[in-house]
Amino acid sequence: MAKKKAISKAKSAAQTSSAGTVDVVMESAHQIWLAGLGAFAKAQDEGGKIFEALVVEGKSLQGQTISAATSAVEDVKGNVEKKVNEAKSTATKSFDKIENVFEERVARALGALGVPTASEIKQLQKRIEELNKAVSELSTKKAPVKRKAAPKKVAAKKATTKPAVKKAAVKKAAPRKVIAKKEVAMKETVKKDAVTK
């Protein structure tokens, strides 16, 4: 029986301690509830002030964020412009090299075919102008050639005979042929000078 009493005491102590634990839990829950109500009431009273403080902090952070983003964008923009300028410079140099190589090869091919270069053509034009000037000076300075008067005896023979007239016609034609031959020789000389230069 002693055992029964001990068990019943343990049960009652457990009930008492469990009743005390329940009371403690209930008391803690009630305090939590009251704290929540107090926080809610305080939030309603000071909610406007907290909201305004948060807006001020947000503006400050926004300014910092914008300045940091702008700085980063400027850095990237500067790097991109630098790379673009380097690429342009490299492309221009490469194009100039290709152009020079192309011009040299075309000049060699034209030289192999015997086509004169632009400088050679200019030299020829200059030489032709000089020769034209010399020819025009010679033609203006050249006095008409005086023909010798035929002796009277010869003149009389020419007038009486027909063969003498034919010879006179041949003599008139001879100076023209000589002038034409001189002009042809002069043209050939000009061509030879042009070819040798």
N, C-alpha and C. Protein backbone atom coordinates (compact mmCIF):
# COMPACT_ATOMS: atom_id res chain seq x y z
N MET A 1 0.77 -1.15 0.00
CA MET A 1 0.00 0.00 0.00
C MET A 1 0.84 1.25 0.00
N ALA A 2 1.88 1.02 0.52
CA ALA A 2 2.79 2.14 0.51
C ALA A 2 3.13 2.49 -0.95
N LYS A 3 3.14 1.47 -1.71
CA LYS A 3 3.44 1.70 -3.11
C LYS A 3 2.32 2.47 -3.76
N LYS A 4 1.12 2.18 -3.40
CA LYS A 4 -0.02 2.85 -3.99
C LYS A 4 -0.01 4.31 -3.61
N LYS A 5 0.38 4.63 -2.41
CA LYS A 5 0.39 6.00 -1.95
C LYS A 5 1.48 6.75 -2.70
N ALA A 6 2.62 6.14 -2.90
CA ALA A 6 3.69 6.81 -3.59
C ALA A 6 3.29 7.10 -5.03
N ILE A 7 2.60 6.19 -5.64
CA ILE A 7 2.19 6.38 -7.03
C ILE A 7 1.16 7.49 -7.10
N SER A 8 0.26 7.54 -6.16
CA SER A 8 -0.77 8.55 -6.20
C SER A 8 -0.18 9.92 -5.93
N LYS A 9 0.88 9.97 -5.08
CA LYS A 9 1.55 11.24 -4.84
C LYS A 9 2.25 11.68 -6.12
N ALA A 10 2.87 10.75 -6.82
CA ALA A 10 3.55 11.08 -8.05
C ALA A 10 2.55 11.56 -9.08
N LYS A 11 1.37 10.95 -9.12
CA LYS A 11 0.35 11.36 -10.07
C LYS A 11 -0.10 12.75 -9.75
N SER A 12 -0.34 13.03 -8.47
CA SER A 12 -0.83 14.34 -8.09
C SER A 12 0.24 15.39 -8.31
N ALA A 13 1.50 15.01 -8.07
CA ALA A 13 2.59 15.95 -8.31
C ALA A 13 2.71 16.21 -9.81
N ALA A 14 2.54 15.20 -10.59
CA ALA A 14 2.60 15.35 -12.04
C ALA A 14 1.46 16.21 -12.50
N GLN A 15 0.29 15.99 -11.91
CA GLN A 15 -0.86 16.79 -12.30
C GLN A 15 -0.62 18.23 -11.89
N THR A 16 -0.05 18.40 -10.73
CA THR A 16 0.20 19.75 -10.25
C THR A 16 1.25 20.40 -11.12
N SER A 17 2.31 19.66 -11.43
CA SER A 17 3.35 20.24 -12.25
C SER A 17 2.84 20.45 -13.67
N SER A 18 2.02 19.59 -14.20
CA SER A 18 1.48 19.78 -15.54
C SER A 18 0.49 20.91 -15.52
N ALA A 19 -0.25 21.08 -14.40
CA ALA A 19 -1.18 22.19 -14.31
C ALA A 19 -0.36 23.48 -14.22
N GLY A 20 0.76 23.43 -13.53
CA GLY A 20 1.61 24.61 -13.42
C GLY A 20 2.25 24.93 -14.76
N THR A 21 2.63 23.93 -15.52
CA THR A 21 3.24 24.13 -16.83
C THR A 21 2.22 24.72 -17.77
N VAL A 22 1.02 24.24 -17.71
CA VAL A 22 -0.04 24.75 -18.57
C VAL A 22 -0.30 26.20 -18.22
N ASP A 23 -0.27 26.50 -16.93
CA ASP A 23 -0.51 27.87 -16.51
C ASP A 23 0.62 28.78 -17.03
N VAL A 24 1.83 28.28 -16.94
CA VAL A 24 2.98 29.05 -17.41
C VAL A 24 2.87 29.29 -18.92
N VAL A 25 2.53 28.27 -19.66
CA VAL A 25 2.40 28.38 -21.12
C VAL A 25 1.28 29.34 -21.45
N MET A 26 0.20 29.23 -20.72
CA MET A 26 -0.94 30.11 -20.97
C MET A 26 -0.55 31.57 -20.68
N GLU A 27 0.19 31.75 -19.61
CA GLU A 27 0.62 33.09 -19.24
C GLU A 27 1.56 33.64 -20.30
N SER A 28 2.48 32.83 -20.81
CA SER A 28 3.42 33.27 -21.84
C SER A 28 2.69 33.61 -23.14
N ALA A 29 1.71 32.82 -23.52
CA ALA A 29 0.94 33.06 -24.73
C ALA A 29 0.18 34.37 -24.59
N HIS A 30 -0.36 34.61 -23.40
CA HIS A 30 -1.12 35.82 -23.17
C HIS A 30 -0.19 37.04 -23.28
N GLN A 31 1.04 36.93 -22.77
CA GLN A 31 1.98 38.03 -22.83
C GLN A 31 2.41 38.30 -24.29
N ILE A 32 2.58 37.23 -25.02
CA ILE A 32 2.95 37.37 -26.44
C ILE A 32 1.82 38.08 -27.19
N TRP A 33 0.62 37.70 -26.85
CA TRP A 33 -0.55 38.32 -27.50
C TRP A 33 -0.57 39.80 -27.18
N LEU A 34 -0.35 40.16 -25.96
CA LEU A 34 -0.38 41.56 -25.56
C LEU A 34 0.75 42.35 -26.22
N ALA A 35 1.94 41.71 -26.32
CA ALA A 35 3.07 42.37 -26.99
C ALA A 35 2.75 42.63 -28.45
N GLY A 36 2.10 41.68 -29.11
CA GLY A 36 1.71 41.86 -30.51
C GLY A 36 0.73 43.00 -30.67
N LEU A 37 -0.24 43.07 -29.75
CA LEU A 37 -1.22 44.17 -29.81
C LEU A 37 -0.52 45.52 -29.60
N GLY A 38 0.41 45.54 -28.65
CA GLY A 38 1.15 46.79 -28.41
C GLY A 38 1.97 47.20 -29.63
N ALA A 39 2.62 46.25 -30.26
CA ALA A 39 3.42 46.54 -31.47
C ALA A 39 2.54 47.05 -32.59
N PHE A 40 1.38 46.45 -32.74
CA PHE A 40 0.44 46.87 -33.77
C PHE A 40 0.00 48.30 -33.52
N ALA A 41 -0.36 48.64 -32.25
CA ALA A 41 -0.81 49.98 -31.91
C ALA A 41 0.32 50.98 -32.15
N LYS A 42 1.55 50.62 -31.75
CA LYS A 42 2.68 51.51 -31.94
C LYS A 42 2.96 51.71 -33.43
N ALA A 43 2.85 50.65 -34.22
CA ALA A 43 3.07 50.75 -35.67
C ALA A 43 2.06 51.67 -36.28
N GLN A 44 0.83 51.64 -35.80
CA GLN A 44 -0.19 52.54 -36.34
C GLN A 44 0.16 53.99 -35.99
N ASP A 45 0.62 54.23 -34.79
CA ASP A 45 0.95 55.59 -34.36
C ASP A 45 2.20 56.11 -35.09
N GLU A 46 3.22 55.28 -35.16
CA GLU A 46 4.51 55.71 -35.72
C GLU A 46 4.72 55.21 -37.15
N GLY A 47 3.74 54.61 -37.75
CA GLY A 47 3.87 54.07 -39.12
C GLY A 47 4.23 55.14 -40.12
N GLY A 48 3.62 56.31 -40.04
CA GLY A 48 3.91 57.40 -40.97
C GLY A 48 5.35 57.85 -40.86
N LYS A 49 5.85 57.95 -39.60
CA LYS A 49 7.22 58.39 -39.38
C LYS A 49 8.21 57.36 -39.93
N ILE A 50 7.94 56.11 -39.70
CA ILE A 50 8.81 55.04 -40.20
C ILE A 50 8.81 55.02 -41.72
N PHE A 51 7.64 55.21 -42.31
CA PHE A 51 7.52 55.21 -43.77
C PHE A 51 8.35 56.35 -44.37
N GLU A 52 8.26 57.54 -43.79
CA GLU A 52 9.02 58.69 -44.28
C GLU A 52 10.52 58.44 -44.14
N ALA A 53 10.92 57.84 -43.03
CA ALA A 53 12.34 57.54 -42.83
C ALA A 53 12.82 56.54 -43.88
N LEU A 54 11.99 55.56 -44.20
CA LEU A 54 12.35 54.58 -45.23
C LEU A 54 12.45 55.23 -46.60
N VAL A 55 11.59 56.20 -46.91
CA VAL A 55 11.63 56.90 -48.19
C VAL A 55 12.94 57.67 -48.31
N VAL A 56 13.34 58.37 -47.23
CA VAL A 56 14.60 59.13 -47.24
C VAL A 56 15.78 58.20 -47.48
N GLU A 57 15.81 57.08 -46.79
CA GLU A 57 16.89 56.11 -46.98
C GLU A 57 16.89 55.56 -48.40
N GLY A 58 15.70 55.33 -48.96
CA GLY A 58 15.59 54.82 -50.34
C GLY A 58 16.14 55.82 -51.35
N LYS A 59 15.85 57.13 -51.15
CA LYS A 59 16.37 58.15 -52.06
C LYS A 59 17.89 58.20 -52.00
N SER A 60 18.43 58.11 -50.82
CA SER A 60 19.88 58.12 -50.64
C SER A 60 20.51 56.93 -51.36
N LEU A 61 19.93 55.77 -51.18
CA LEU A 61 20.46 54.57 -51.84
C LEU A 61 20.31 54.66 -53.35
N GLN A 62 19.21 55.25 -53.82
CA GLN A 62 18.98 55.38 -55.26
C GLN A 62 20.06 56.28 -55.87
N GLY A 63 20.37 57.41 -55.22
CA GLY A 63 21.42 58.30 -55.73
C GLY A 63 22.76 57.61 -55.82
N GLN A 64 23.10 56.85 -54.79
CA GLN A 64 24.36 56.11 -54.79
C GLN A 64 24.38 55.08 -55.90
N THR A 65 23.27 54.39 -56.08
CA THR A 65 23.17 53.36 -57.12
C THR A 65 23.30 53.97 -58.51
N ILE A 66 22.63 55.10 -58.73
CA ILE A 66 22.70 55.74 -60.05
C ILE A 66 24.12 56.22 -60.34
N SER A 67 24.78 56.84 -59.35
CA SER A 67 26.15 57.31 -59.60
C SER A 67 27.09 56.14 -59.87
N ALA A 68 26.92 55.03 -59.16
CA ALA A 68 27.76 53.86 -59.39
C ALA A 68 27.50 53.28 -60.77
N ALA A 69 26.23 53.22 -61.18
CA ALA A 69 25.88 52.68 -62.50
C ALA A 69 26.41 53.59 -63.60
N THR A 70 26.29 54.91 -63.43
CA THR A 70 26.78 55.86 -64.43
C THR A 70 28.29 55.74 -64.59
N SER A 71 28.97 55.62 -63.48
CA SER A 71 30.42 55.47 -63.52
C SER A 71 30.82 54.20 -64.26
N ALA A 72 30.12 53.12 -63.98
CA ALA A 72 30.41 51.85 -64.65
C ALA A 72 30.15 51.95 -66.15
N VAL A 73 29.04 52.63 -66.52
CA VAL A 73 28.70 52.78 -67.95
C VAL A 73 29.76 53.63 -68.64
N GLU A 74 30.23 54.70 -68.02
CA GLU A 74 31.26 55.54 -68.62
C GLU A 74 32.55 54.77 -68.82
N ASP A 75 32.91 53.96 -67.85
CA ASP A 75 34.12 53.14 -67.99
C ASP A 75 34.00 52.19 -69.17
N VAL A 76 32.87 51.53 -69.28
CA VAL A 76 32.64 50.59 -70.38
C VAL A 76 32.64 51.32 -71.71
N LYS A 77 31.99 52.49 -71.74
CA LYS A 77 31.93 53.27 -72.98
C LYS A 77 33.32 53.69 -73.42
N GLY A 78 34.15 54.14 -72.47
CA GLY A 78 35.52 54.52 -72.80
C GLY A 78 36.32 53.36 -73.35
N ASN A 79 36.17 52.20 -72.75
CA ASN A 79 36.89 51.00 -73.22
C ASN A 79 36.44 50.61 -74.62
N VAL A 80 35.13 50.69 -74.86
CA VAL A 80 34.60 50.33 -76.19
C VAL A 80 35.11 51.30 -77.25
N GLU A 81 35.10 52.60 -76.95
CA GLU A 81 35.59 53.58 -77.91
C GLU A 81 37.07 53.37 -78.20
N LYS A 82 37.84 53.04 -77.18
CA LYS A 82 39.26 52.78 -77.36
C LYS A 82 39.47 51.59 -78.29
N LYS A 83 38.71 50.52 -78.04
CA LYS A 83 38.84 49.31 -78.88
C LYS A 83 38.43 49.60 -80.32
N VAL A 84 37.36 50.39 -80.49
CA VAL A 84 36.89 50.72 -81.85
C VAL A 84 37.96 51.53 -82.57
N ASN A 85 38.57 52.51 -81.91
CA ASN A 85 39.62 53.31 -82.54
C ASN A 85 40.83 52.46 -82.90
N GLU A 86 41.18 51.53 -82.03
CA GLU A 86 42.29 50.63 -82.34
C GLU A 86 41.97 49.77 -83.56
N ALA A 87 40.74 49.29 -83.63
CA ALA A 87 40.33 48.46 -84.76
C ALA A 87 40.35 49.27 -86.05
N LYS A 88 39.88 50.52 -86.00
CA LYS A 88 39.89 51.38 -87.19
C LYS A 88 41.32 51.62 -87.65
N SER A 89 42.20 51.90 -86.72
CA SER A 89 43.60 52.16 -87.06
C SER A 89 44.24 50.94 -87.71
N THR A 90 44.00 49.79 -87.14
CA THR A 90 44.55 48.55 -87.69
C THR A 90 43.99 48.28 -89.09
N ALA A 91 42.69 48.50 -89.25
CA ALA A 91 42.07 48.26 -90.56
C ALA A 91 42.62 49.23 -91.60
N THR A 92 42.82 50.50 -91.23
CA THR A 92 43.35 51.48 -92.16
C THR A 92 44.76 51.12 -92.59
N LYS A 93 45.59 50.71 -91.63
CA LYS A 93 46.96 50.32 -91.96
C LYS A 93 46.97 49.11 -92.89
N SER A 94 46.12 48.14 -92.60
CA SER A 94 46.05 46.94 -93.44
C SER A 94 45.59 47.29 -94.85
N PHE A 95 44.58 48.16 -94.93
CA PHE A 95 44.07 48.56 -96.25
C PHE A 95 45.14 49.29 -97.04
N ASP A 96 45.89 50.18 -96.39
CA ASP A 96 46.97 50.90 -97.08
C ASP A 96 48.03 49.93 -97.60
N LYS A 97 48.38 48.93 -96.80
CA LYS A 97 49.38 47.95 -97.24
C LYS A 97 48.87 47.17 -98.45
N ILE A 98 47.61 46.76 -98.38
CA ILE A 98 47.03 46.00 -99.50
C ILE A 98 46.99 46.86 -100.75
N GLU A 99 46.62 48.13 -100.59
CA GLU A 99 46.55 49.04 -101.72
C GLU A 99 47.92 49.22 -102.36
N ASN A 100 48.95 49.39 -101.54
CA ASN A 100 50.31 49.55 -102.08
C ASN A 100 50.77 48.31 -102.82
N VAL A 101 50.52 47.14 -102.27
CA VAL A 101 50.89 45.89 -102.92
C VAL A 101 50.16 45.77 -104.26
N PHE A 102 48.88 46.09 -104.27
CA PHE A 102 48.09 46.01 -105.50
C PHE A 102 48.64 46.97 -106.56
N GLU A 103 48.94 48.20 -106.16
CA GLU A 103 49.47 49.18 -107.11
C GLU A 103 50.81 48.73 -107.68
N GLU A 104 51.67 48.17 -106.84
CA GLU A 104 52.97 47.69 -107.32
C GLU A 104 52.80 46.56 -108.32
N ARG A 105 51.91 45.64 -108.03
CA ARG A 105 51.71 44.51 -108.94
C ARG A 105 51.11 44.95 -110.27
N VAL A 106 50.16 45.87 -110.21
CA VAL A 106 49.57 46.38 -111.45
C VAL A 106 50.62 47.11 -112.26
N ALA A 107 51.46 47.91 -111.60
CA ALA A 107 52.52 48.65 -112.30
C ALA A 107 53.50 47.68 -112.97
N ARG A 108 53.86 46.61 -112.24
CA ARG A 108 54.77 45.61 -112.83
C ARG A 108 54.13 44.93 -114.04
N ALA A 109 52.85 44.59 -113.93
CA ALA A 109 52.17 43.92 -115.05
C ALA A 109 52.08 44.86 -116.25
N LEU A 110 51.75 46.12 -116.02
CA LEU A 110 51.67 47.08 -117.12
C LEU A 110 53.05 47.32 -117.73
N GLY A 111 54.08 47.36 -116.90
CA GLY A 111 55.44 47.51 -117.41
C GLY A 111 55.85 46.33 -118.26
N ALA A 112 55.46 45.13 -117.84
CA ALA A 112 55.79 43.93 -118.62
C ALA A 112 55.08 43.94 -119.97
N LEU A 113 53.91 44.55 -120.02
CA LEU A 113 53.17 44.64 -121.28
C LEU A 113 53.64 45.80 -122.15
N GLY A 114 54.49 46.65 -121.59
CA GLY A 114 55.00 47.79 -122.35
C GLY A 114 54.12 49.02 -122.26
N VAL A 115 53.21 49.04 -121.34
CA VAL A 115 52.33 50.20 -121.16
C VAL A 115 53.11 51.24 -120.36
N PRO A 116 53.17 52.48 -120.86
CA PRO A 116 53.93 53.50 -120.14
C PRO A 116 53.20 53.93 -118.86
N THR A 117 53.99 54.36 -117.90
CA THR A 117 53.41 54.83 -116.64
C THR A 117 52.94 56.27 -116.81
N ALA A 118 52.24 56.76 -115.80
CA ALA A 118 51.73 58.13 -115.85
C ALA A 118 52.87 59.13 -115.92
N SER A 119 53.94 58.89 -115.20
CA SER A 119 55.08 59.82 -115.23
C SER A 119 55.74 59.80 -116.61
N GLU A 120 55.83 58.63 -117.22
CA GLU A 120 56.41 58.55 -118.56
C GLU A 120 55.54 59.29 -119.58
N ILE A 121 54.25 59.18 -119.44
CA ILE A 121 53.34 59.88 -120.35
C ILE A 121 53.47 61.39 -120.17
N LYS A 122 53.61 61.84 -118.92
CA LYS A 122 53.80 63.28 -118.67
C LYS A 122 55.09 63.76 -119.31
N GLN A 123 56.16 62.95 -119.20
CA GLN A 123 57.43 63.33 -119.82
C GLN A 123 57.29 63.42 -121.33
N LEU A 124 56.56 62.47 -121.91
CA LEU A 124 56.34 62.50 -123.36
C LEU A 124 55.54 63.73 -123.77
N GLN A 125 54.52 64.05 -123.00
CA GLN A 125 53.71 65.24 -123.31
C GLN A 125 54.57 66.50 -123.25
N LYS A 126 55.43 66.58 -122.24
CA LYS A 126 56.31 67.73 -122.10
C LYS A 126 57.25 67.81 -123.30
N ARG A 127 57.81 66.67 -123.68
CA ARG A 127 58.74 66.63 -124.83
C ARG A 127 58.01 67.02 -126.11
N ILE A 128 56.77 66.56 -126.28
CA ILE A 128 56.00 66.90 -127.48
C ILE A 128 55.72 68.40 -127.51
N GLU A 129 55.38 68.97 -126.36
CA GLU A 129 55.14 70.41 -126.30
C GLU A 129 56.39 71.18 -126.67
N GLU A 130 57.55 70.72 -126.16
CA GLU A 130 58.81 71.39 -126.49
C GLU A 130 59.09 71.30 -127.99
N LEU A 131 58.87 70.12 -128.56
CA LEU A 131 59.10 69.95 -129.99
C LEU A 131 58.13 70.78 -130.82
N ASN A 132 56.87 70.83 -130.41
CA ASN A 132 55.89 71.66 -131.13
C ASN A 132 56.30 73.14 -131.10
N LYS A 133 56.79 73.56 -129.95
CA LYS A 133 57.23 74.94 -129.79
C LYS A 133 58.42 75.20 -130.72
N ALA A 134 59.36 74.26 -130.74
CA ALA A 134 60.54 74.41 -131.59
C ALA A 134 60.15 74.45 -133.06
N VAL A 135 59.21 73.59 -133.45
CA VAL A 135 58.76 73.54 -134.85
C VAL A 135 58.08 74.86 -135.22
N SER A 136 57.23 75.35 -134.31
CA SER A 136 56.53 76.60 -134.64
C SER A 136 57.51 77.77 -134.71
N GLU A 137 58.54 77.77 -133.86
CA GLU A 137 59.57 78.81 -133.94
C GLU A 137 60.34 78.72 -135.24
N LEU A 138 60.66 77.51 -135.65
CA LEU A 138 61.38 77.34 -136.91
C LEU A 138 60.54 77.75 -138.10
N SER A 139 59.26 77.43 -138.05
CA SER A 139 58.40 77.78 -139.19
C SER A 139 58.17 79.28 -139.26
N THR A 140 58.15 79.99 -138.16
CA THR A 140 57.97 81.44 -138.20
C THR A 140 59.27 82.14 -138.57
N LYS A 141 60.41 81.62 -138.17
CA LYS A 141 61.71 82.22 -138.47
C LYS A 141 62.14 81.93 -139.91
N LYS A 142 61.68 80.88 -140.46
CA LYS A 142 62.13 80.44 -141.77
C LYS A 142 61.66 81.44 -142.82
N ALA A 143 62.57 82.01 -143.49
CA ALA A 143 62.25 82.97 -144.55
C ALA A 143 61.92 82.20 -145.81
N PRO A 144 61.05 82.75 -146.60
CA PRO A 144 60.74 82.04 -147.84
C PRO A 144 62.00 81.91 -148.71
N VAL A 145 62.12 80.77 -149.30
CA VAL A 145 63.29 80.48 -150.11
C VAL A 145 63.15 81.23 -151.43
N LYS A 146 64.19 82.02 -151.69
CA LYS A 146 64.17 82.77 -152.95
C LYS A 146 64.66 81.85 -154.05
N ARG A 147 63.92 81.87 -155.07
CA ARG A 147 64.34 81.04 -156.21
C ARG A 147 65.25 81.87 -157.10
N LYS A 148 66.19 81.18 -157.58
CA LYS A 148 67.13 81.87 -158.48
C LYS A 148 66.43 82.09 -159.82
N ALA A 149 66.68 83.22 -160.30
CA ALA A 149 66.10 83.53 -161.61
C ALA A 149 66.85 82.74 -162.68
N ALA A 150 66.12 82.15 -163.50
CA ALA A 150 66.73 81.36 -164.56
C ALA A 150 67.34 82.33 -165.58
N PRO A 151 68.45 81.91 -166.11
CA PRO A 151 69.01 82.78 -167.16
C PRO A 151 68.03 82.93 -168.30
N LYS A 152 68.13 84.03 -168.98
CA LYS A 152 67.19 84.35 -170.04
C LYS A 152 67.22 83.33 -171.15
N LYS A 153 68.32 82.78 -171.38
CA LYS A 153 68.43 81.79 -172.44
C LYS A 153 67.64 80.56 -172.07
N VAL A 154 67.72 80.14 -170.82
CA VAL A 154 67.02 78.95 -170.38
C VAL A 154 65.53 79.23 -170.39
N ALA A 155 65.15 80.39 -169.99
CA ALA A 155 63.75 80.75 -169.98
C ALA A 155 63.17 80.71 -171.37
N ALA A 156 63.89 81.09 -172.31
CA ALA A 156 63.41 81.09 -173.68
C ALA A 156 63.23 79.67 -174.15
N LYS A 157 64.12 78.79 -173.79
CA LYS A 157 64.01 77.41 -174.19
C LYS A 157 62.79 76.77 -173.55
N LYS A 158 62.54 77.08 -172.32
CA LYS A 158 61.41 76.48 -171.62
C LYS A 158 60.10 76.93 -172.23
N ALA A 159 60.07 78.09 -172.68
CA ALA A 159 58.83 78.61 -173.24
C ALA A 159 58.55 77.99 -174.60
N THR A 160 59.54 77.61 -175.34
CA THR A 160 59.33 77.12 -176.68
C THR A 160 59.10 75.64 -176.75
N THR A 161 59.63 74.89 -175.80
CA THR A 161 59.51 73.45 -175.90
C THR A 161 58.62 72.90 -174.80
N LYS A 162 57.88 71.89 -175.13
CA LYS A 162 57.00 71.25 -174.16
C LYS A 162 57.76 70.43 -173.12
N PRO A 163 58.79 69.68 -173.48
CA PRO A 163 59.50 68.92 -172.46
C PRO A 163 60.09 69.82 -171.36
N ALA A 164 60.48 71.00 -171.70
CA ALA A 164 61.04 71.90 -170.69
C ALA A 164 59.97 72.27 -169.66
N VAL A 165 58.72 72.38 -170.10
CA VAL A 165 57.62 72.70 -169.18
C VAL A 165 57.42 71.55 -168.21
N LYS A 166 57.54 70.35 -168.69
CA LYS A 166 57.40 69.19 -167.81
C LYS A 166 58.49 69.19 -166.76
N LYS A 167 59.69 69.53 -167.16
CA LYS A 167 60.77 69.55 -166.21
C LYS A 167 60.53 70.64 -165.16
N ALA A 168 60.01 71.76 -165.58
CA ALA A 168 59.75 72.84 -164.63
C ALA A 168 58.69 72.40 -163.62
N ALA A 169 57.71 71.66 -164.07
CA ALA A 169 56.67 71.17 -163.17
C ALA A 169 57.27 70.19 -162.17
N VAL A 170 58.20 69.40 -162.63
CA VAL A 170 58.87 68.45 -161.75
C VAL A 170 59.69 69.21 -160.72
N LYS A 171 60.32 70.30 -161.12
CA LYS A 171 61.14 71.06 -160.19
C LYS A 171 60.27 71.71 -159.13
N LYS A 172 59.08 72.14 -159.48
CA LYS A 172 58.19 72.74 -158.49
C LYS A 172 57.75 71.69 -157.46
N ALA A 173 57.52 70.49 -157.92
CA ALA A 173 57.06 69.44 -157.03
C ALA A 173 58.18 68.96 -156.11
N ALA A 174 59.41 69.06 -156.56
CA ALA A 174 60.54 68.56 -155.77
C ALA A 174 60.64 69.25 -154.41
N PRO A 175 60.53 70.55 -154.30
CA PRO A 175 60.64 71.17 -152.96
C PRO A 175 59.53 70.68 -152.03
N ARG A 176 58.36 70.45 -152.50
CA ARG A 176 57.28 69.95 -151.64
C ARG A 176 57.62 68.56 -151.11
N LYS A 177 58.18 67.74 -151.97
CA LYS A 177 58.56 66.40 -151.53
C LYS A 177 59.65 66.48 -150.47
N VAL A 178 60.58 67.37 -150.64
CA VAL A 178 61.68 67.52 -149.69
C VAL A 178 61.11 67.97 -148.34
N ILE A 179 60.18 68.92 -148.36
CA ILE A 179 59.56 69.40 -147.12
C ILE A 179 58.79 68.27 -146.45
N ALA A 180 58.05 67.50 -147.25
CA ALA A 180 57.29 66.37 -146.70
C ALA A 180 58.24 65.34 -146.10
N LYS A 181 59.35 65.07 -146.75
CA LYS A 181 60.32 64.12 -146.23
C LYS A 181 60.92 64.63 -144.93
N LYS A 182 61.19 65.93 -144.86
CA LYS A 182 61.73 66.52 -143.63
C LYS A 182 60.71 66.40 -142.49
N GLU A 183 59.44 66.62 -142.79
CA GLU A 183 58.41 66.50 -141.76
C GLU A 183 58.32 65.06 -141.25
N VAL A 184 58.38 64.09 -142.15
CA VAL A 184 58.33 62.68 -141.77
C VAL A 184 59.55 62.34 -140.91
N ALA A 185 60.70 62.82 -141.32
CA ALA A 185 61.92 62.56 -140.56
C ALA A 185 61.83 63.19 -139.16
N MET A 186 61.25 64.38 -139.10
CA MET A 186 61.12 65.05 -137.80
C MET A 186 60.15 64.28 -136.90
N LYS A 187 59.05 63.78 -137.46
CA LYS A 187 58.09 63.00 -136.67
C LYS A 187 58.74 61.72 -136.15
N GLU A 188 59.52 61.08 -136.98
CA GLU A 188 60.21 59.87 -136.54
C GLU A 188 61.20 60.18 -135.42
N THR A 189 61.87 61.31 -135.51
CA THR A 189 62.81 61.72 -134.47
C THR A 189 62.07 61.95 -133.16
N VAL A 190 60.89 62.58 -133.25
CA VAL A 190 60.08 62.82 -132.05
C VAL A 190 59.67 61.49 -131.44
N LYS A 191 59.25 60.55 -132.26
CA LYS A 191 58.84 59.23 -131.75
C LYS A 191 60.03 58.53 -131.10
N LYS A 192 61.19 58.58 -131.72
CA LYS A 192 62.37 57.94 -131.15
C LYS A 192 62.74 58.56 -129.80
N ASP A 193 62.66 59.90 -129.75
CA ASP A 193 62.96 60.58 -128.47
C ASP A 193 61.98 60.16 -127.39
N ALA A 194 60.72 60.04 -127.78
CA ALA A 194 59.70 59.66 -126.80
C ALA A 194 59.93 58.23 -126.31
N VAL A 195 60.32 57.36 -127.19
CA VAL A 195 60.54 55.95 -126.81
C VAL A 195 61.77 55.82 -125.93
N THR A 196 62.82 56.58 -126.24
CA THR A 196 64.05 56.44 -125.45
C THR A 196 63.88 57.02 -124.05
N LYS A 197 63.03 57.97 -123.89
CA LYS A 197 62.81 58.50 -122.54
C LYS A 197 61.84 57.64 -121.82
